[in-house]
Amino acid sequence: MKTELDSQALAFHYEAQFKQAGWTRIDAKADKSLILSVWMLKDKKGKSWQAILTLTKNDSQLSQYSASAIVSQL
């Protein structure tokens, strides 16, 4: 994706959406080109879910990132 946001602002944008949907962040790591966060959710039926959100900066293209969210039931 192409955005004018820096990597921290982009991460905050996605993290706010996770929080609004009821997810809880349990871990996060960041360096200059990758932001990774791990999220947990217990649904209305009591099932636990985990999500891993990654945002990777494309160093060869200014303002471009790859975003990925992998969600799995535990």
PDB file of N, CA and C in Angstrom:
ATOM      1  N   MET A   1       0.835  -1.163   0.000  1.00  0.00           N
ATOM      2  CA  MET A   1       0.000   0.000   0.000  1.00  0.00           C
ATOM      3  C   MET A   1       0.884   1.233   0.000  1.00  0.00           C
ATOM      4  N   LYS A   2       0.360   2.314  -0.486  1.00  0.00           N
ATOM      5  CA  LYS A   2       1.088   3.574  -0.475  1.00  0.00           C
ATOM      6  C   LYS A   2       0.387   4.512   0.493  1.00  0.00           C
ATOM      7  N   THR A   3       1.160   5.156   1.359  1.00  0.00           N
ATOM      8  CA  THR A   3       0.602   6.054   2.363  1.00  0.00           C
ATOM      9  C   THR A   3       1.612   7.134   2.715  1.00  0.00           C
ATOM     10  N   GLU A   4       1.106   8.236   3.164  1.00  0.00           N
ATOM     11  CA  GLU A   4       1.972   9.311   3.650  1.00  0.00           C
ATOM     12  C   GLU A   4       2.286   9.136   5.142  1.00  0.00           C
ATOM     13  N   LEU A   5       1.640   8.174   5.794  1.00  0.00           N
ATOM     14  CA  LEU A   5       1.896   7.919   7.212  1.00  0.00           C
ATOM     15  C   LEU A   5       3.278   7.294   7.397  1.00  0.00           C
ATOM     16  N   ASP A   6       3.936   7.623   8.499  1.00  0.00           N
ATOM     17  CA  ASP A   6       5.163   6.906   8.824  1.00  0.00           C
ATOM     18  C   ASP A   6       4.785   5.561   9.429  1.00  0.00           C
ATOM     19  N   SER A   7       5.756   4.703   9.659  1.00  0.00           N
ATOM     20  CA  SER A   7       5.453   3.341  10.093  1.00  0.00           C
ATOM     21  C   SER A   7       4.739   3.301  11.445  1.00  0.00           C
ATOM     22  N   GLN A   8       5.114   4.167  12.371  1.00  0.00           N
ATOM     23  CA  GLN A   8       4.457   4.181  13.683  1.00  0.00           C
ATOM     24  C   GLN A   8       3.003   4.635  13.569  1.00  0.00           C
ATOM     25  N   ALA A   9       2.742   5.648  12.772  1.00  0.00           N
ATOM     26  CA  ALA A   9       1.366   6.129  12.590  1.00  0.00           C
ATOM     27  C   ALA A   9       0.519   5.077  11.878  1.00  0.00           C
ATOM     28  N   LEU A  10       1.111   4.373  10.923  1.00  0.00           N
ATOM     29  CA  LEU A  10       0.389   3.313  10.226  1.00  0.00           C
ATOM     30  C   LEU A  10       0.047   2.179  11.186  1.00  0.00           C
ATOM     31  N   ALA A  11       0.993   1.798  12.033  1.00  0.00           N
ATOM     32  CA  ALA A  11       0.739   0.758  13.034  1.00  0.00           C
ATOM     33  C   ALA A  11      -0.372   1.207  13.985  1.00  0.00           C
ATOM     34  N   PHE A  12      -0.331   2.444  14.429  1.00  0.00           N
ATOM     35  CA  PHE A  12      -1.359   2.959  15.324  1.00  0.00           C
ATOM     36  C   PHE A  12      -2.735   2.889  14.662  1.00  0.00           C
ATOM     37  N   HIS A  13      -2.797   3.206  13.383  1.00  0.00           N
ATOM     38  CA  HIS A  13      -4.059   3.156  12.633  1.00  0.00           C
ATOM     39  C   HIS A  13      -4.664   1.753  12.687  1.00  0.00           C
ATOM     40  N   TYR A  14      -3.867   0.743  12.380  1.00  0.00           N
ATOM     41  CA  TYR A  14      -4.375  -0.636  12.401  1.00  0.00           C
ATOM     42  C   TYR A  14      -4.649  -1.116  13.823  1.00  0.00           C
ATOM     43  N   GLU A  15      -3.783  -0.781  14.750  1.00  0.00           N
ATOM     44  CA  GLU A  15      -3.962  -1.213  16.130  1.00  0.00           C
ATOM     45  C   GLU A  15      -5.244  -0.639  16.724  1.00  0.00           C
ATOM     46  N   ALA A  16      -5.586   0.591  16.378  1.00  0.00           N
ATOM     47  CA  ALA A  16      -6.836   1.193  16.867  1.00  0.00           C
ATOM     48  C   ALA A  16      -8.038   0.391  16.366  1.00  0.00           C
ATOM     49  N   GLN A  17      -7.965  -0.105  15.149  1.00  0.00           N
ATOM     50  CA  GLN A  17      -9.062  -0.916  14.613  1.00  0.00           C
ATOM     51  C   GLN A  17      -9.167  -2.248  15.344  1.00  0.00           C
ATOM     52  N   PHE A  18      -8.038  -2.870  15.651  1.00  0.00           N
ATOM     53  CA  PHE A  18      -8.059  -4.117  16.423  1.00  0.00           C
ATOM     54  C   PHE A  18      -8.690  -3.871  17.797  1.00  0.00           C
ATOM     55  N   LYS A  19      -8.259  -2.818  18.477  1.00  0.00           N
ATOM     56  CA  LYS A  19      -8.785  -2.516  19.807  1.00  0.00           C
ATOM     57  C   LYS A  19     -10.287  -2.248  19.758  1.00  0.00           C
ATOM     58  N   GLN A  20     -10.729  -1.507  18.769  1.00  0.00           N
ATOM     59  CA  GLN A  20     -12.153  -1.192  18.631  1.00  0.00           C
ATOM     60  C   GLN A  20     -12.975  -2.469  18.431  1.00  0.00           C
ATOM     61  N   ALA A  21     -12.381  -3.485  17.810  1.00  0.00           N
ATOM     62  CA  ALA A  21     -13.067  -4.753  17.570  1.00  0.00           C
ATOM     63  C   ALA A  21     -12.973  -5.704  18.769  1.00  0.00           C
ATOM     64  N   GLY A  22     -12.329  -5.271  19.866  1.00  0.00           N
ATOM     65  CA  GLY A  22     -12.283  -6.069  21.077  1.00  0.00           C
ATOM     66  C   GLY A  22     -11.017  -6.879  21.282  1.00  0.00           C
ATOM     67  N   TRP A  23     -10.032  -6.732  20.409  1.00  0.00           N
ATOM     68  CA  TRP A  23      -8.766  -7.460  20.538  1.00  0.00           C
ATOM     69  C   TRP A  23      -7.882  -6.796  21.594  1.00  0.00           C
ATOM     70  N   THR A  24      -7.028  -7.604  22.227  1.00  0.00           N
ATOM     71  CA  THR A  24      -6.058  -7.127  23.202  1.00  0.00           C
ATOM     72  C   THR A  24      -4.649  -7.433  22.694  1.00  0.00           C
ATOM     73  N   ARG A  25      -3.811  -6.415  22.642  1.00  0.00           N
ATOM     74  CA  ARG A  25      -2.428  -6.634  22.199  1.00  0.00           C
ATOM     75  C   ARG A  25      -1.651  -7.293  23.333  1.00  0.00           C
ATOM     76  N   ILE A  26      -0.955  -8.383  23.003  1.00  0.00           N
ATOM     77  CA  ILE A  26      -0.182  -9.088  24.028  1.00  0.00           C
ATOM     78  C   ILE A  26       1.321  -8.976  23.811  1.00  0.00           C
ATOM     79  N   ASP A  27       1.742  -8.552  22.623  1.00  0.00           N
ATOM     80  CA  ASP A  27       3.171  -8.385  22.362  1.00  0.00           C
ATOM     81  C   ASP A  27       3.343  -7.502  21.139  1.00  0.00           C
ATOM     82  N   ALA A  28       4.479  -6.858  21.045  1.00  0.00           N
ATOM     83  CA  ALA A  28       4.798  -6.024  19.883  1.00  0.00           C
ATOM     84  C   ALA A  28       6.305  -5.873  19.781  1.00  0.00           C
ATOM     85  N   LYS A  29       6.786  -5.849  18.560  1.00  0.00           N
ATOM     86  CA  LYS A  29       8.207  -5.636  18.259  1.00  0.00           C
ATOM     87  C   LYS A  29       8.292  -4.707  17.053  1.00  0.00           C
ATOM     88  N   ALA A  30       9.354  -3.938  17.006  1.00  0.00           N
ATOM     89  CA  ALA A  30       9.532  -3.036  15.869  1.00  0.00           C
ATOM     90  C   ALA A  30      11.010  -2.798  15.622  1.00  0.00           C
ATOM     91  N   ASP A  31      11.344  -2.636  14.358  1.00  0.00           N
ATOM     92  CA  ASP A  31      12.654  -2.134  13.974  1.00  0.00           C
ATOM     93  C   ASP A  31      12.436  -1.161  12.824  1.00  0.00           C
ATOM     94  N   LYS A  32      13.465  -0.797  12.106  1.00  0.00           N
ATOM     95  CA  LYS A  32      13.300   0.271  11.111  1.00  0.00           C
ATOM     96  C   LYS A  32      12.451  -0.122   9.900  1.00  0.00           C
ATOM     97  N   SER A  33      12.276  -1.419   9.625  1.00  0.00           N
ATOM     98  CA  SER A  33      11.499  -1.786   8.453  1.00  0.00           C
ATOM     99  C   SER A  33      10.345  -2.748   8.739  1.00  0.00           C
ATOM    100  N   LEU A  34      10.177  -3.175   9.998  1.00  0.00           N
ATOM    101  CA  LEU A  34       9.131  -4.142  10.320  1.00  0.00           C
ATOM    102  C   LEU A  34       8.490  -3.813  11.661  1.00  0.00           C
ATOM    103  N   ILE A  35       7.173  -3.843  11.683  1.00  0.00           N
ATOM    104  CA  ILE A  35       6.424  -3.746  12.935  1.00  0.00           C
ATOM    105  C   ILE A  35       5.560  -4.993  13.016  1.00  0.00           C
ATOM    106  N   LEU A  36       5.641  -5.676  14.152  1.00  0.00           N
ATOM    107  CA  LEU A  36       4.890  -6.913  14.363  1.00  0.00           C
ATOM    108  C   LEU A  36       4.147  -6.790  15.679  1.00  0.00           C
ATOM    109  N   SER A  37       2.871  -7.154  15.679  1.00  0.00           N
ATOM    110  CA  SER A  37       2.111  -7.177  16.926  1.00  0.00           C
ATOM    111  C   SER A  37       1.267  -8.442  16.984  1.00  0.00           C
ATOM    112  N   VAL A  38       1.093  -8.948  18.210  1.00  0.00           N
ATOM    113  CA  VAL A  38       0.330 -10.172  18.445  1.00  0.00           C
ATOM    114  C   VAL A  38      -0.878  -9.795  19.290  1.00  0.00           C
ATOM    115  N   TRP A  39      -2.040 -10.293  18.897  1.00  0.00           N
ATOM    116  CA  TRP A  39      -3.310  -9.927  19.506  1.00  0.00           C
ATOM    117  C   TRP A  39      -4.095 -11.169  19.915  1.00  0.00           C
ATOM    118  N   MET A  40      -4.922 -11.017  20.961  1.00  0.00           N
ATOM    119  CA  MET A  40      -5.791 -12.105  21.424  1.00  0.00           C
ATOM    120  C   MET A  40      -7.222 -11.585  21.532  1.00  0.00           C
ATOM    121  N   LEU A  41      -8.164 -12.510  21.290  1.00  0.00           N
ATOM    122  CA  LEU A  41      -9.576 -12.193  21.415  1.00  0.00           C
ATOM    123  C   LEU A  41     -10.313 -13.430  21.895  1.00  0.00           C
ATOM    124  N   LYS A  42     -11.224 -13.248  22.818  1.00  0.00           N
ATOM    125  CA  LYS A  42     -12.134 -14.324  23.209  1.00  0.00           C
ATOM    126  C   LYS A  42     -13.502 -13.915  22.672  1.00  0.00           C
ATOM    127  N   ASP A  43     -14.083 -14.764  21.810  1.00  0.00           N
ATOM    128  CA  ASP A  43     -15.351 -14.404  21.193  1.00  0.00           C
ATOM    129  C   ASP A  43     -16.535 -14.683  22.123  1.00  0.00           C
ATOM    130  N   LYS A  44     -17.739 -14.376  21.662  1.00  0.00           N
ATOM    131  CA  LYS A  44     -18.947 -14.507  22.480  1.00  0.00           C
ATOM    132  C   LYS A  44     -19.232 -15.948  22.872  1.00  0.00           C
ATOM    133  N   LYS A  45     -18.698 -16.898  22.134  1.00  0.00           N
ATOM    134  CA  LYS A  45     -18.889 -18.311  22.449  1.00  0.00           C
ATOM    135  C   LYS A  45     -17.766 -18.861  23.328  1.00  0.00           C
ATOM    136  N   GLY A  46     -16.830 -17.988  23.715  1.00  0.00           N
ATOM    137  CA  GLY A  46     -15.732 -18.394  24.589  1.00  0.00           C
ATOM    138  C   GLY A  46     -14.513 -18.939  23.863  1.00  0.00           C
ATOM    139  N   LYS A  47     -14.526 -18.909  22.534  1.00  0.00           N
ATOM    140  CA  LYS A  47     -13.377 -19.386  21.766  1.00  0.00           C
ATOM    141  C   LYS A  47     -12.290 -18.318  21.734  1.00  0.00           C
ATOM    142  N   SER A  48     -11.054 -18.775  21.843  1.00  0.00           N
ATOM    143  CA  SER A  48      -9.904 -17.859  21.812  1.00  0.00           C
ATOM    144  C   SER A  48      -9.326 -17.785  20.409  1.00  0.00           C
ATOM    145  N   TRP A  49      -8.958 -16.574  20.033  1.00  0.00           N
ATOM    146  CA  TRP A  49      -8.373 -16.293  18.723  1.00  0.00           C
ATOM    147  C   TRP A  49      -7.073 -15.532  18.902  1.00  0.00           C
ATOM    148  N   GLN A  50      -6.152 -15.744  17.959  1.00  0.00           N
ATOM    149  CA  GLN A  50      -4.889 -15.008  17.948  1.00  0.00           C
ATOM    150  C   GLN A  50      -4.724 -14.368  16.576  1.00  0.00           C
ATOM    151  N   ALA A  51      -4.217 -13.151  16.567  1.00  0.00           N
ATOM    152  CA  ALA A  51      -3.921 -12.457  15.313  1.00  0.00           C
ATOM    153  C   ALA A  51      -2.481 -11.970  15.358  1.00  0.00           C
ATOM    154  N   ILE A  52      -1.820 -12.065  14.229  1.00  0.00           N
ATOM    155  CA  ILE A  52      -0.471 -11.519  14.085  1.00  0.00           C
ATOM    156  C   ILE A  52      -0.536 -10.483  12.971  1.00  0.00           C
ATOM    157  N   LEU A  53      -0.248  -9.248  13.320  1.00  0.00           N
ATOM    158  CA  LEU A  53      -0.257  -8.142  12.374  1.00  0.00           C
ATOM    159  C   LEU A  53       1.183  -7.771  12.050  1.00  0.00           C
ATOM    160  N   THR A  54       1.517  -7.749  10.768  1.00  0.00           N
ATOM    161  CA  THR A  54       2.849  -7.303  10.357  1.00  0.00           C
ATOM    162  C   THR A  54       2.722  -6.161   9.353  1.00  0.00           C
ATOM    163  N   LEU A  55       3.551  -5.173   9.531  1.00  0.00           N
ATOM    164  CA  LEU A  55       3.672  -4.054   8.613  1.00  0.00           C
ATOM    165  C   LEU A  55       5.138  -3.971   8.211  1.00  0.00           C
ATOM    166  N   THR A  56       5.391  -4.126   6.923  1.00  0.00           N
ATOM    167  CA  THR A  56       6.760  -4.146   6.420  1.00  0.00           C
ATOM    168  C   THR A  56       6.959  -2.975   5.470  1.00  0.00           C
ATOM    169  N   LYS A  57       7.958  -2.156   5.765  1.00  0.00           N
ATOM    170  CA  LYS A  57       8.268  -1.004   4.920  1.00  0.00           C
ATOM    171  C   LYS A  57       9.060  -1.476   3.704  1.00  0.00           C
ATOM    172  N   ASN A  58       8.665  -0.984   2.547  1.00  0.00           N
ATOM    173  CA  ASN A  58       9.395  -1.269   1.319  1.00  0.00           C
ATOM    174  C   ASN A  58      10.510  -0.235   1.205  1.00  0.00           C
ATOM    175  N   ASP A  59      11.728  -0.634   1.523  1.00  0.00           N
ATOM    176  CA  ASP A  59      12.840   0.314   1.566  1.00  0.00           C
ATOM    177  C   ASP A  59      13.207   0.885   0.202  1.00  0.00           C
ATOM    178  N   SER A  60      12.838   0.206  -0.873  1.00  0.00           N
ATOM    179  CA  SER A  60      13.190   0.710  -2.199  1.00  0.00           C
ATOM    180  C   SER A  60      12.134   1.666  -2.763  1.00  0.00           C
ATOM    181  N   GLN A  61      10.969   1.745  -2.123  1.00  0.00           N
ATOM    182  CA  GLN A  61       9.897   2.627  -2.587  1.00  0.00           C
ATOM    183  C   GLN A  61       9.419   3.468  -1.400  1.00  0.00           C
ATOM    184  N   LEU A  62       9.622   4.754  -1.454  1.00  0.00           N
ATOM    185  CA  LEU A  62       9.194   5.628  -0.367  1.00  0.00           C
ATOM    186  C   LEU A  62       7.689   5.534  -0.166  1.00  0.00           C
ATOM    187  N   SER A  63       7.281   5.547   1.087  1.00  0.00           N
ATOM    188  CA  SER A  63       5.870   5.577   1.485  1.00  0.00           C
ATOM    189  C   SER A  63       5.091   4.327   1.092  1.00  0.00           C
ATOM    190  N   GLN A  64       5.772   3.192   0.846  1.00  0.00           N
ATOM    191  CA  GLN A  64       5.070   1.959   0.513  1.00  0.00           C
ATOM    192  C   GLN A  64       5.325   0.892   1.572  1.00  0.00           C
ATOM    193  N   TYR A  65       4.251   0.175   1.930  1.00  0.00           N
ATOM    194  CA  TYR A  65       4.280  -0.842   2.969  1.00  0.00           C
ATOM    195  C   TYR A  65       3.498  -2.066   2.500  1.00  0.00           C
ATOM    196  N   SER A  66       3.837  -3.191   3.071  1.00  0.00           N
ATOM    197  CA  SER A  66       3.024  -4.397   2.948  1.00  0.00           C
ATOM    198  C   SER A  66       2.396  -4.629   4.317  1.00  0.00           C
ATOM    199  N   ALA A  67       1.119  -4.997   4.329  1.00  0.00           N
ATOM    200  CA  ALA A  67       0.425  -5.277   5.577  1.00  0.00           C
ATOM    201  C   ALA A  67      -0.143  -6.682   5.511  1.00  0.00           C
ATOM    202  N   SER A  68      -0.071  -7.380   6.646  1.00  0.00           N
ATOM    203  CA  SER A  68      -0.591  -8.740   6.716  1.00  0.00           C
ATOM    204  C   SER A  68      -1.187  -8.974   8.096  1.00  0.00           C
ATOM    205  N   ALA A  69      -2.362  -9.595   8.132  1.00  0.00           N
ATOM    206  CA  ALA A  69      -2.966 -10.012   9.401  1.00  0.00           C
ATOM    207  C   ALA A  69      -3.334 -11.486   9.261  1.00  0.00           C
ATOM    208  N   ILE A  70      -2.753 -12.291  10.108  1.00  0.00           N
ATOM    209  CA  ILE A  70      -3.035 -13.729  10.115  1.00  0.00           C
ATOM    210  C   ILE A  70      -3.825 -14.012  11.394  1.00  0.00           C
ATOM    211  N   VAL A  71      -5.027 -14.569  11.242  1.00  0.00           N
ATOM    212  CA  VAL A  71      -5.898 -14.841  12.370  1.00  0.00           C
ATOM    213  C   VAL A  71      -6.139 -16.342  12.447  1.00  0.00           C
ATOM    214  N   SER A  72      -5.991 -16.883  13.649  1.00  0.00           N
ATOM    215  CA  SER A  72      -6.235 -18.315  13.835  1.00  0.00           C
ATOM    216  C   SER A  72      -6.932 -18.568  15.164  1.00  0.00           C
ATOM    217  N   GLN A  73      -7.752 -19.618  15.166  1.00  0.00           N
ATOM    218  CA  GLN A  73      -8.426 -20.014  16.396  1.00  0.00           C
ATOM    219  C   GLN A  73      -7.462 -20.890  17.199  1.00  0.00           C
ATOM    220  N   LEU A  74      -7.400 -20.659  18.481  1.00  0.00           N
ATOM    221  CA  LEU A  74      -6.522 -21.449  19.337  1.00  0.00           C
ATOM    222  C   LEU A  74      -7.243 -22.663  19.884  1.00  0.00           C
TER     223      LEU A  74
END
